[in-house]
Amino acid sequence: MNPKLALSAALLGSLMCLATSVRAQQAPNPLDAVPDKMPFDIPYGTPIGLDRAEAAIAAAVAEARRRDWKMIVAVVDAGGNLVAFQRMDGAQLASIQISEHKARASAIYRRETKVFENGIQQSGLNYLVTLDGLIASRGGIPLVEGGKIIGAIGCAGGTPSQDEVTCKAGAATIK
């Protein structure tokens, strides 16, 4: 056998053994944990109506104006269908689809989109990017009334933290 080829094969075998050893020493996969209860198990309620969706948007836009932010705000019903939408003058056009996406993801996954952002950036749950309809950026918040999701609000146009502050103002209109 060619000495260079034999050396290459020996090195490859050593690297494979080392990789197996390193994997064996790593901490257990947190996704293997089985919780007793379903996380984010919030039932869906009667979908939000237009008047309440517009009130949530008005509160979000008022917060954005107060801070001199140009935002786009979307409200969807519990099924993720658009109910109301507003684009402030001068807001970036790309944020039209982003605001709807945040609202829809928040409604259908029953959680704030910030959870996905944290999951990827802080917890290394990179598999999240493979889920359909997901967006890993804060600014999508479920609208919960009486313990049931009636819709969600999504805000876009600023930084993710600005989007979140704007959304919280709109979500606060739902008790």
N, C-alpha and C. Protein backbone atom coordinates (compact mmCIF):
# COMPACT_ATOMS: atom_id res chain seq x y z
N MET A 1 0.85 -1.18 0.00
CA MET A 1 0.00 0.00 0.00
C MET A 1 0.90 1.24 0.00
N ASN A 2 0.46 2.26 -0.69
CA ASN A 2 1.18 3.52 -0.79
C ASN A 2 1.29 4.12 0.62
N PRO A 3 2.51 4.50 1.06
CA PRO A 3 2.69 5.03 2.42
C PRO A 3 1.86 6.28 2.69
N LYS A 4 1.72 7.14 1.69
CA LYS A 4 0.92 8.37 1.89
C LYS A 4 -0.55 8.02 2.07
N LEU A 5 -1.01 7.05 1.30
CA LEU A 5 -2.40 6.62 1.41
C LEU A 5 -2.65 5.96 2.77
N ALA A 6 -1.69 5.15 3.22
CA ALA A 6 -1.82 4.49 4.53
C ALA A 6 -1.86 5.53 5.65
N LEU A 7 -1.00 6.55 5.54
CA LEU A 7 -0.98 7.61 6.55
C LEU A 7 -2.29 8.38 6.56
N SER A 8 -2.82 8.68 5.36
CA SER A 8 -4.10 9.39 5.26
C SER A 8 -5.23 8.59 5.89
N ALA A 9 -5.24 7.27 5.62
CA ALA A 9 -6.28 6.41 6.18
C ALA A 9 -6.18 6.35 7.70
N ALA A 10 -4.97 6.30 8.22
CA ALA A 10 -4.77 6.26 9.68
C ALA A 10 -5.22 7.56 10.32
N LEU A 11 -4.89 8.69 9.68
CA LEU A 11 -5.32 9.99 10.22
C LEU A 11 -6.84 10.13 10.19
N LEU A 12 -7.45 9.69 9.10
CA LEU A 12 -8.91 9.75 9.00
C LEU A 12 -9.55 8.91 10.10
N GLY A 13 -9.04 7.71 10.33
CA GLY A 13 -9.56 6.85 11.39
C GLY A 13 -9.42 7.49 12.75
N SER A 14 -8.30 8.13 13.01
CA SER A 14 -8.07 8.81 14.29
C SER A 14 -9.05 9.96 14.47
N LEU A 15 -9.26 10.72 13.40
CA LEU A 15 -10.20 11.85 13.49
C LEU A 15 -11.62 11.38 13.74
N MET A 16 -12.00 10.29 13.13
CA MET A 16 -13.35 9.75 13.34
C MET A 16 -13.53 9.29 14.78
N CYS A 17 -12.51 8.65 15.33
CA CYS A 17 -12.58 8.22 16.74
C CYS A 17 -12.66 9.42 17.67
N LEU A 18 -11.87 10.45 17.38
CA LEU A 18 -11.89 11.67 18.19
C LEU A 18 -13.25 12.33 18.13
N ALA A 19 -13.86 12.42 16.94
CA ALA A 19 -15.18 13.04 16.79
C ALA A 19 -16.23 12.27 17.58
N THR A 20 -16.15 10.95 17.54
CA THR A 20 -17.09 10.12 18.30
C THR A 20 -16.92 10.34 19.79
N SER A 21 -15.68 10.45 20.24
CA SER A 21 -15.39 10.68 21.65
C SER A 21 -15.90 12.04 22.11
N VAL A 22 -15.72 13.06 21.28
CA VAL A 22 -16.19 14.41 21.62
C VAL A 22 -17.70 14.42 21.71
N ARG A 23 -18.39 13.77 20.77
CA ARG A 23 -19.86 13.73 20.80
C ARG A 23 -20.34 13.03 22.07
N ALA A 24 -19.66 11.98 22.47
CA ALA A 24 -20.05 11.24 23.67
C ALA A 24 -19.89 12.07 24.93
N GLN A 25 -18.96 13.02 24.93
CA GLN A 25 -18.71 13.85 26.11
C GLN A 25 -19.62 15.07 26.18
N GLN A 26 -20.33 15.41 25.09
CA GLN A 26 -21.20 16.58 25.08
C GLN A 26 -22.39 16.38 26.00
N ALA A 27 -22.94 17.50 26.42
CA ALA A 27 -24.13 17.47 27.29
C ALA A 27 -25.29 16.83 26.54
N PRO A 28 -26.24 16.27 27.28
CA PRO A 28 -27.40 15.67 26.63
C PRO A 28 -28.21 16.71 25.86
N ASN A 29 -28.87 16.28 24.85
CA ASN A 29 -29.69 17.15 24.02
C ASN A 29 -30.90 17.62 24.82
N PRO A 30 -31.09 18.94 25.01
CA PRO A 30 -32.23 19.43 25.78
C PRO A 30 -33.57 19.09 25.14
N LEU A 31 -33.57 18.80 23.85
CA LEU A 31 -34.81 18.44 23.17
C LEU A 31 -35.28 17.04 23.53
N ASP A 32 -34.41 16.27 24.19
CA ASP A 32 -34.80 14.92 24.63
C ASP A 32 -35.67 14.96 25.89
N ALA A 33 -35.70 16.09 26.59
CA ALA A 33 -36.53 16.21 27.79
C ALA A 33 -38.00 16.15 27.41
N VAL A 34 -38.78 15.45 28.20
CA VAL A 34 -40.21 15.30 27.94
C VAL A 34 -40.98 16.04 29.04
N PRO A 35 -41.55 17.22 28.71
CA PRO A 35 -42.28 17.97 29.74
C PRO A 35 -43.58 17.27 30.12
N ASP A 36 -44.03 17.50 31.34
CA ASP A 36 -45.29 16.92 31.81
C ASP A 36 -46.49 17.53 31.09
N LYS A 37 -46.41 18.84 30.79
CA LYS A 37 -47.52 19.53 30.14
C LYS A 37 -47.07 20.11 28.82
N MET A 38 -48.04 20.34 27.95
CA MET A 38 -47.76 20.96 26.65
C MET A 38 -47.38 22.42 26.87
N PRO A 39 -46.24 22.86 26.34
CA PRO A 39 -45.93 24.28 26.43
C PRO A 39 -46.80 25.08 25.46
N PHE A 40 -47.10 26.30 25.82
CA PHE A 40 -47.87 27.21 24.97
C PHE A 40 -49.22 26.62 24.58
N ASP A 41 -49.84 25.90 25.49
CA ASP A 41 -51.12 25.23 25.23
C ASP A 41 -52.27 26.18 25.55
N ILE A 42 -52.35 27.23 24.78
CA ILE A 42 -53.41 28.23 24.95
C ILE A 42 -54.48 27.93 23.91
N PRO A 43 -55.72 27.71 24.33
CA PRO A 43 -56.76 27.39 23.34
C PRO A 43 -57.10 28.59 22.47
N TYR A 44 -57.62 28.30 21.30
CA TYR A 44 -58.08 29.36 20.41
C TYR A 44 -59.50 29.74 20.78
N GLY A 45 -59.78 31.03 20.73
CA GLY A 45 -61.11 31.53 21.05
C GLY A 45 -61.78 32.11 19.82
N THR A 46 -62.85 32.84 20.06
CA THR A 46 -63.57 33.51 18.97
C THR A 46 -62.64 34.55 18.34
N PRO A 47 -62.48 34.52 17.03
CA PRO A 47 -61.54 35.43 16.37
C PRO A 47 -61.86 36.90 16.63
N ILE A 48 -60.81 37.69 16.70
CA ILE A 48 -60.93 39.13 16.91
C ILE A 48 -61.72 39.76 15.76
N GLY A 49 -62.55 40.74 16.11
CA GLY A 49 -63.31 41.46 15.11
C GLY A 49 -62.57 42.71 14.64
N LEU A 50 -63.09 43.32 13.61
CA LEU A 50 -62.45 44.48 13.00
C LEU A 50 -62.31 45.65 13.98
N ASP A 51 -63.34 45.97 14.74
CA ASP A 51 -63.26 47.12 15.65
C ASP A 51 -62.14 46.97 16.66
N ARG A 52 -62.01 45.80 17.24
CA ARG A 52 -60.96 45.58 18.25
C ARG A 52 -59.59 45.52 17.60
N ALA A 53 -59.51 44.96 16.39
CA ALA A 53 -58.24 44.94 15.67
C ALA A 53 -57.78 46.36 15.36
N GLU A 54 -58.71 47.19 14.93
CA GLU A 54 -58.37 48.59 14.63
C GLU A 54 -57.97 49.35 15.90
N ALA A 55 -58.59 49.03 17.03
CA ALA A 55 -58.22 49.67 18.30
C ALA A 55 -56.79 49.28 18.70
N ALA A 56 -56.44 48.01 18.51
CA ALA A 56 -55.07 47.56 18.82
C ALA A 56 -54.07 48.26 17.91
N ILE A 57 -54.41 48.38 16.64
CA ILE A 57 -53.53 49.07 15.70
C ILE A 57 -53.38 50.54 16.08
N ALA A 58 -54.49 51.18 16.44
CA ALA A 58 -54.43 52.60 16.82
C ALA A 58 -53.51 52.81 18.02
N ALA A 59 -53.56 51.91 19.00
CA ALA A 59 -52.69 52.04 20.17
C ALA A 59 -51.22 51.83 19.78
N ALA A 60 -50.97 50.86 18.91
CA ALA A 60 -49.59 50.61 18.46
C ALA A 60 -49.06 51.79 17.67
N VAL A 61 -49.87 52.34 16.79
CA VAL A 61 -49.45 53.49 15.97
C VAL A 61 -49.23 54.71 16.86
N ALA A 62 -50.07 54.90 17.85
CA ALA A 62 -49.90 56.04 18.78
C ALA A 62 -48.54 55.92 19.50
N GLU A 63 -48.19 54.72 19.93
CA GLU A 63 -46.89 54.51 20.59
C GLU A 63 -45.75 54.80 19.62
N ALA A 64 -45.87 54.33 18.40
CA ALA A 64 -44.83 54.57 17.40
C ALA A 64 -44.69 56.07 17.10
N ARG A 65 -45.82 56.76 16.96
CA ARG A 65 -45.77 58.21 16.70
C ARG A 65 -45.12 58.95 17.87
N ARG A 66 -45.47 58.55 19.08
CA ARG A 66 -44.92 59.19 20.27
C ARG A 66 -43.39 59.10 20.27
N ARG A 67 -42.88 58.02 19.73
CA ARG A 67 -41.42 57.80 19.71
C ARG A 67 -40.78 58.19 18.38
N ASP A 68 -41.59 58.67 17.44
CA ASP A 68 -41.12 59.07 16.12
C ASP A 68 -40.55 57.88 15.34
N TRP A 69 -41.25 56.73 15.44
CA TRP A 69 -40.88 55.54 14.68
C TRP A 69 -41.89 55.38 13.54
N LYS A 70 -41.44 54.90 12.41
CA LYS A 70 -42.31 54.63 11.26
C LYS A 70 -42.56 53.12 11.22
N MET A 71 -43.75 52.72 11.55
CA MET A 71 -44.07 51.29 11.70
C MET A 71 -45.18 50.85 10.75
N ILE A 72 -45.22 49.56 10.60
CA ILE A 72 -46.32 48.89 9.93
C ILE A 72 -46.88 47.89 10.92
N VAL A 73 -48.21 47.87 11.05
CA VAL A 73 -48.86 47.04 12.06
C VAL A 73 -49.94 46.19 11.38
N ALA A 74 -49.94 44.92 11.69
CA ALA A 74 -50.94 43.99 11.17
C ALA A 74 -51.57 43.24 12.33
N VAL A 75 -52.87 43.00 12.22
CA VAL A 75 -53.58 42.16 13.18
C VAL A 75 -54.26 41.04 12.41
N VAL A 76 -54.04 39.82 12.90
CA VAL A 76 -54.67 38.65 12.29
C VAL A 76 -55.62 38.02 13.30
N ASP A 77 -56.52 37.18 12.80
CA ASP A 77 -57.43 36.46 13.69
C ASP A 77 -56.72 35.22 14.23
N ALA A 78 -57.44 34.42 15.00
CA ALA A 78 -56.85 33.25 15.64
C ALA A 78 -56.31 32.23 14.63
N GLY A 79 -56.81 32.27 13.42
CA GLY A 79 -56.34 31.36 12.37
C GLY A 79 -55.21 31.93 11.53
N GLY A 80 -54.77 33.14 11.85
CA GLY A 80 -53.67 33.76 11.12
C GLY A 80 -54.11 34.54 9.89
N ASN A 81 -55.40 34.80 9.75
CA ASN A 81 -55.93 35.54 8.60
C ASN A 81 -55.94 37.03 8.90
N LEU A 82 -55.51 37.83 7.95
CA LEU A 82 -55.43 39.28 8.15
C LEU A 82 -56.81 39.87 8.43
N VAL A 83 -56.90 40.66 9.49
CA VAL A 83 -58.14 41.36 9.86
C VAL A 83 -58.00 42.85 9.59
N ALA A 84 -56.87 43.43 9.99
CA ALA A 84 -56.65 44.87 9.80
C ALA A 84 -55.15 45.13 9.67
N PHE A 85 -54.85 46.26 9.04
CA PHE A 85 -53.47 46.57 8.70
C PHE A 85 -53.32 48.08 8.56
N GLN A 86 -52.16 48.59 8.98
CA GLN A 86 -51.89 50.02 8.77
C GLN A 86 -50.40 50.23 8.53
N ARG A 87 -50.11 51.03 7.52
CA ARG A 87 -48.73 51.39 7.21
C ARG A 87 -48.58 52.88 7.46
N MET A 88 -47.67 53.22 8.36
CA MET A 88 -47.42 54.63 8.65
C MET A 88 -46.63 55.24 7.50
N ASP A 89 -46.83 56.52 7.27
CA ASP A 89 -46.11 57.23 6.22
C ASP A 89 -44.61 57.07 6.42
N GLY A 90 -43.92 56.73 5.35
CA GLY A 90 -42.47 56.63 5.39
C GLY A 90 -41.92 55.31 5.88
N ALA A 91 -42.78 54.37 6.31
CA ALA A 91 -42.29 53.06 6.77
C ALA A 91 -41.74 52.27 5.59
N GLN A 92 -40.72 51.48 5.85
CA GLN A 92 -40.10 50.71 4.76
C GLN A 92 -41.08 49.68 4.21
N LEU A 93 -41.09 49.55 2.91
CA LEU A 93 -42.05 48.68 2.24
C LEU A 93 -41.86 47.20 2.56
N ALA A 94 -40.64 46.79 2.81
CA ALA A 94 -40.39 45.38 3.14
C ALA A 94 -41.13 44.96 4.40
N SER A 95 -41.41 45.92 5.26
CA SER A 95 -42.05 45.61 6.54
C SER A 95 -43.53 45.27 6.41
N ILE A 96 -44.11 45.49 5.25
CA ILE A 96 -45.51 45.11 5.04
C ILE A 96 -45.64 43.60 5.25
N GLN A 97 -44.87 42.84 4.51
CA GLN A 97 -44.94 41.38 4.63
C GLN A 97 -44.40 40.89 5.95
N ILE A 98 -43.39 41.57 6.48
CA ILE A 98 -42.80 41.14 7.75
C ILE A 98 -43.80 41.27 8.89
N SER A 99 -44.55 42.38 8.93
CA SER A 99 -45.53 42.57 10.01
C SER A 99 -46.61 41.49 9.96
N GLU A 100 -47.08 41.18 8.77
CA GLU A 100 -48.09 40.13 8.63
C GLU A 100 -47.51 38.77 9.03
N HIS A 101 -46.27 38.53 8.62
CA HIS A 101 -45.62 37.26 8.95
C HIS A 101 -45.48 37.10 10.46
N LYS A 102 -45.07 38.16 11.14
CA LYS A 102 -44.92 38.09 12.60
C LYS A 102 -46.26 37.81 13.27
N ALA A 103 -47.31 38.51 12.83
CA ALA A 103 -48.63 38.30 13.42
C ALA A 103 -49.12 36.87 13.17
N ARG A 104 -48.98 36.41 11.95
CA ARG A 104 -49.45 35.07 11.59
C ARG A 104 -48.70 33.99 12.38
N ALA A 105 -47.38 34.11 12.45
CA ALA A 105 -46.58 33.11 13.19
C ALA A 105 -46.95 33.11 14.66
N SER A 106 -47.18 34.29 15.23
CA SER A 106 -47.55 34.38 16.63
C SER A 106 -48.90 33.71 16.90
N ALA A 107 -49.85 33.89 15.98
CA ALA A 107 -51.17 33.29 16.17
C ALA A 107 -51.13 31.78 16.00
N ILE A 108 -50.50 31.30 14.94
CA ILE A 108 -50.58 29.86 14.67
C ILE A 108 -49.67 29.03 15.57
N TYR A 109 -48.58 29.63 16.05
CA TYR A 109 -47.70 28.92 16.98
C TYR A 109 -48.04 29.24 18.44
N ARG A 110 -48.97 30.13 18.68
CA ARG A 110 -49.49 30.45 20.02
C ARG A 110 -48.42 30.97 20.98
N ARG A 111 -47.54 31.79 20.49
CA ARG A 111 -46.49 32.38 21.34
C ARG A 111 -45.90 33.61 20.67
N GLU A 112 -45.22 34.41 21.46
CA GLU A 112 -44.54 35.57 20.91
C GLU A 112 -43.42 35.11 19.99
N THR A 113 -43.19 35.85 18.93
CA THR A 113 -42.11 35.49 18.01
C THR A 113 -40.74 35.66 18.66
N LYS A 114 -40.68 36.39 19.74
CA LYS A 114 -39.44 36.55 20.49
C LYS A 114 -38.94 35.18 20.99
N VAL A 115 -39.84 34.26 21.26
CA VAL A 115 -39.47 32.92 21.72
C VAL A 115 -38.60 32.23 20.66
N PHE A 116 -38.93 32.40 19.39
CA PHE A 116 -38.14 31.79 18.32
C PHE A 116 -36.79 32.48 18.17
N GLU A 117 -36.81 33.80 18.30
CA GLU A 117 -35.54 34.55 18.25
C GLU A 117 -34.59 34.07 19.34
N ASN A 118 -35.11 33.97 20.56
CA ASN A 118 -34.29 33.49 21.69
C ASN A 118 -33.86 32.04 21.49
N GLY A 119 -34.74 31.22 20.96
CA GLY A 119 -34.42 29.82 20.75
C GLY A 119 -33.24 29.63 19.82
N ILE A 120 -33.17 30.44 18.79
CA ILE A 120 -32.08 30.32 17.82
C ILE A 120 -30.83 31.03 18.34
N GLN A 121 -30.98 32.26 18.79
CA GLN A 121 -29.81 33.05 19.16
C GLN A 121 -29.20 32.66 20.50
N GLN A 122 -30.01 32.28 21.47
CA GLN A 122 -29.49 32.01 22.80
C GLN A 122 -29.40 30.52 23.13
N SER A 123 -30.30 29.74 22.58
CA SER A 123 -30.35 28.33 22.95
C SER A 123 -29.82 27.40 21.87
N GLY A 124 -29.47 27.94 20.72
CA GLY A 124 -28.93 27.10 19.66
C GLY A 124 -29.90 26.11 19.07
N LEU A 125 -31.19 26.43 19.13
CA LEU A 125 -32.21 25.53 18.58
C LEU A 125 -32.39 25.84 17.08
N ASN A 126 -31.35 25.59 16.33
CA ASN A 126 -31.33 25.96 14.92
C ASN A 126 -32.36 25.23 14.09
N TYR A 127 -32.90 24.12 14.58
CA TYR A 127 -33.93 23.41 13.84
C TYR A 127 -35.16 24.30 13.63
N LEU A 128 -35.32 25.32 14.47
CA LEU A 128 -36.49 26.20 14.36
C LEU A 128 -36.60 26.82 12.97
N VAL A 129 -35.47 27.09 12.32
CA VAL A 129 -35.53 27.73 11.00
C VAL A 129 -36.16 26.82 9.95
N THR A 130 -36.34 25.55 10.26
CA THR A 130 -36.94 24.62 9.30
C THR A 130 -38.46 24.57 9.40
N LEU A 131 -39.04 25.19 10.41
CA LEU A 131 -40.49 25.13 10.61
C LEU A 131 -41.20 26.09 9.67
N ASP A 132 -42.24 25.62 9.01
CA ASP A 132 -43.00 26.44 8.08
C ASP A 132 -43.66 27.61 8.79
N GLY A 133 -43.61 28.77 8.18
CA GLY A 133 -44.31 29.93 8.69
C GLY A 133 -43.68 30.61 9.89
N LEU A 134 -42.52 30.17 10.29
CA LEU A 134 -41.87 30.72 11.47
C LEU A 134 -41.08 31.98 11.12
N ILE A 135 -41.00 32.91 12.03
CA ILE A 135 -40.12 34.07 11.90
C ILE A 135 -39.44 34.28 13.25
N ALA A 136 -38.14 34.35 13.23
CA ALA A 136 -37.37 34.42 14.48
C ALA A 136 -36.95 35.85 14.76
N SER A 137 -37.93 36.71 14.91
CA SER A 137 -37.67 38.12 15.21
C SER A 137 -38.82 38.62 16.06
N ARG A 138 -38.50 39.28 17.15
CA ARG A 138 -39.56 39.77 18.03
C ARG A 138 -40.43 40.81 17.31
N GLY A 139 -41.63 40.99 17.84
CA GLY A 139 -42.57 41.92 17.22
C GLY A 139 -43.84 41.23 16.75
N GLY A 140 -44.05 39.99 17.20
CA GLY A 140 -45.30 39.27 16.98
C GLY A 140 -45.80 38.81 18.33
N ILE A 141 -47.02 39.23 18.70
CA ILE A 141 -47.54 38.93 20.03
C ILE A 141 -48.98 38.42 19.92
N PRO A 142 -49.27 37.27 20.56
CA PRO A 142 -50.65 36.79 20.54
C PRO A 142 -51.57 37.75 21.31
N LEU A 143 -52.78 37.83 20.85
CA LEU A 143 -53.80 38.62 21.56
C LEU A 143 -54.67 37.62 22.31
N VAL A 144 -54.59 37.67 23.63
CA VAL A 144 -55.25 36.68 24.48
C VAL A 144 -56.32 37.36 25.31
N GLU A 145 -57.51 36.80 25.25
CA GLU A 145 -58.63 37.31 26.04
C GLU A 145 -59.31 36.14 26.73
N GLY A 146 -59.48 36.24 28.04
CA GLY A 146 -60.13 35.17 28.78
C GLY A 146 -59.38 33.85 28.66
N GLY A 147 -58.06 33.92 28.54
CA GLY A 147 -57.26 32.71 28.45
C GLY A 147 -57.27 32.05 27.08
N LYS A 148 -57.82 32.74 26.07
CA LYS A 148 -57.88 32.17 24.72
C LYS A 148 -57.30 33.14 23.70
N ILE A 149 -56.63 32.58 22.72
CA ILE A 149 -56.06 33.41 21.66
C ILE A 149 -57.17 33.82 20.70
N ILE A 150 -57.33 35.12 20.53
CA ILE A 150 -58.34 35.63 19.59
C ILE A 150 -57.68 36.19 18.33
N GLY A 151 -56.35 36.29 18.34
CA GLY A 151 -55.62 36.80 17.20
C GLY A 151 -54.20 37.10 17.61
N ALA A 152 -53.53 37.91 16.79
CA ALA A 152 -52.16 38.31 17.11
C ALA A 152 -51.87 39.62 16.39
N ILE A 153 -50.91 40.35 16.92
CA ILE A 153 -50.48 41.60 16.33
C ILE A 153 -49.02 41.46 15.93
N GLY A 154 -48.69 42.01 14.77
CA GLY A 154 -47.31 42.00 14.29
C GLY A 154 -46.89 43.38 13.89
N CYS A 155 -45.71 43.79 14.32
CA CYS A 155 -45.20 45.12 14.02
C CYS A 155 -43.82 44.99 13.38
N ALA A 156 -43.57 45.85 12.40
CA ALA A 156 -42.27 45.84 11.73
C ALA A 156 -41.98 47.24 11.21
N GLY A 157 -40.70 47.49 11.01
CA GLY A 157 -40.28 48.78 10.49
C GLY A 157 -39.10 49.35 11.23
N GLY A 158 -38.94 48.95 12.47
CA GLY A 158 -37.83 49.43 13.28
C GLY A 158 -36.89 48.30 13.61
N THR A 159 -36.16 48.46 14.69
CA THR A 159 -35.35 47.35 15.18
C THR A 159 -36.30 46.34 15.81
N PRO A 160 -35.86 45.11 16.00
CA PRO A 160 -36.76 44.15 16.66
C PRO A 160 -37.27 44.62 18.02
N SER A 161 -36.44 45.31 18.79
CA SER A 161 -36.91 45.79 20.10
C SER A 161 -37.93 46.92 19.93
N GLN A 162 -37.77 47.76 18.93
CA GLN A 162 -38.77 48.81 18.67
C GLN A 162 -40.09 48.17 18.22
N ASP A 163 -39.99 47.16 17.36
CA ASP A 163 -41.18 46.45 16.90
C ASP A 163 -41.94 45.85 18.09
N GLU A 164 -41.19 45.27 19.02
CA GLU A 164 -41.79 44.64 20.20
C GLU A 164 -42.51 45.67 21.08
N VAL A 165 -41.87 46.80 21.33
CA VAL A 165 -42.48 47.85 22.15
C VAL A 165 -43.78 48.33 21.50
N THR A 166 -43.75 48.52 20.20
CA THR A 166 -44.94 48.96 19.47
C THR A 166 -46.06 47.93 19.59
N CYS A 167 -45.73 46.66 19.42
CA CYS A 167 -46.72 45.59 19.52
C CYS A 167 -47.32 45.49 20.91
N LYS A 168 -46.49 45.63 21.92
CA LYS A 168 -46.98 45.54 23.30
C LYS A 168 -48.04 46.61 23.57
N ALA A 169 -47.84 47.79 23.00
CA ALA A 169 -48.84 48.86 23.18
C ALA A 169 -50.17 48.45 22.55
N GLY A 170 -50.12 47.82 21.39
CA GLY A 170 -51.35 47.36 20.75
C GLY A 170 -51.97 46.19 21.48
N ALA A 171 -51.15 45.25 21.92
CA ALA A 171 -51.67 44.07 22.62
C ALA A 171 -52.31 44.44 23.95
N ALA A 172 -51.86 45.53 24.55
CA ALA A 172 -52.41 45.97 25.85
C ALA A 172 -53.88 46.37 25.75
N THR A 173 -54.40 46.58 24.55
CA THR A 173 -55.81 46.94 24.42
C THR A 173 -56.73 45.75 24.62
N ILE A 174 -56.16 44.55 24.56
CA ILE A 174 -56.95 43.32 24.76
C ILE A 174 -56.77 42.89 26.21
N LYS A 175 -57.84 42.72 26.92
CA LYS A 175 -57.78 42.34 28.34
C LYS A 175 -58.11 40.89 28.52
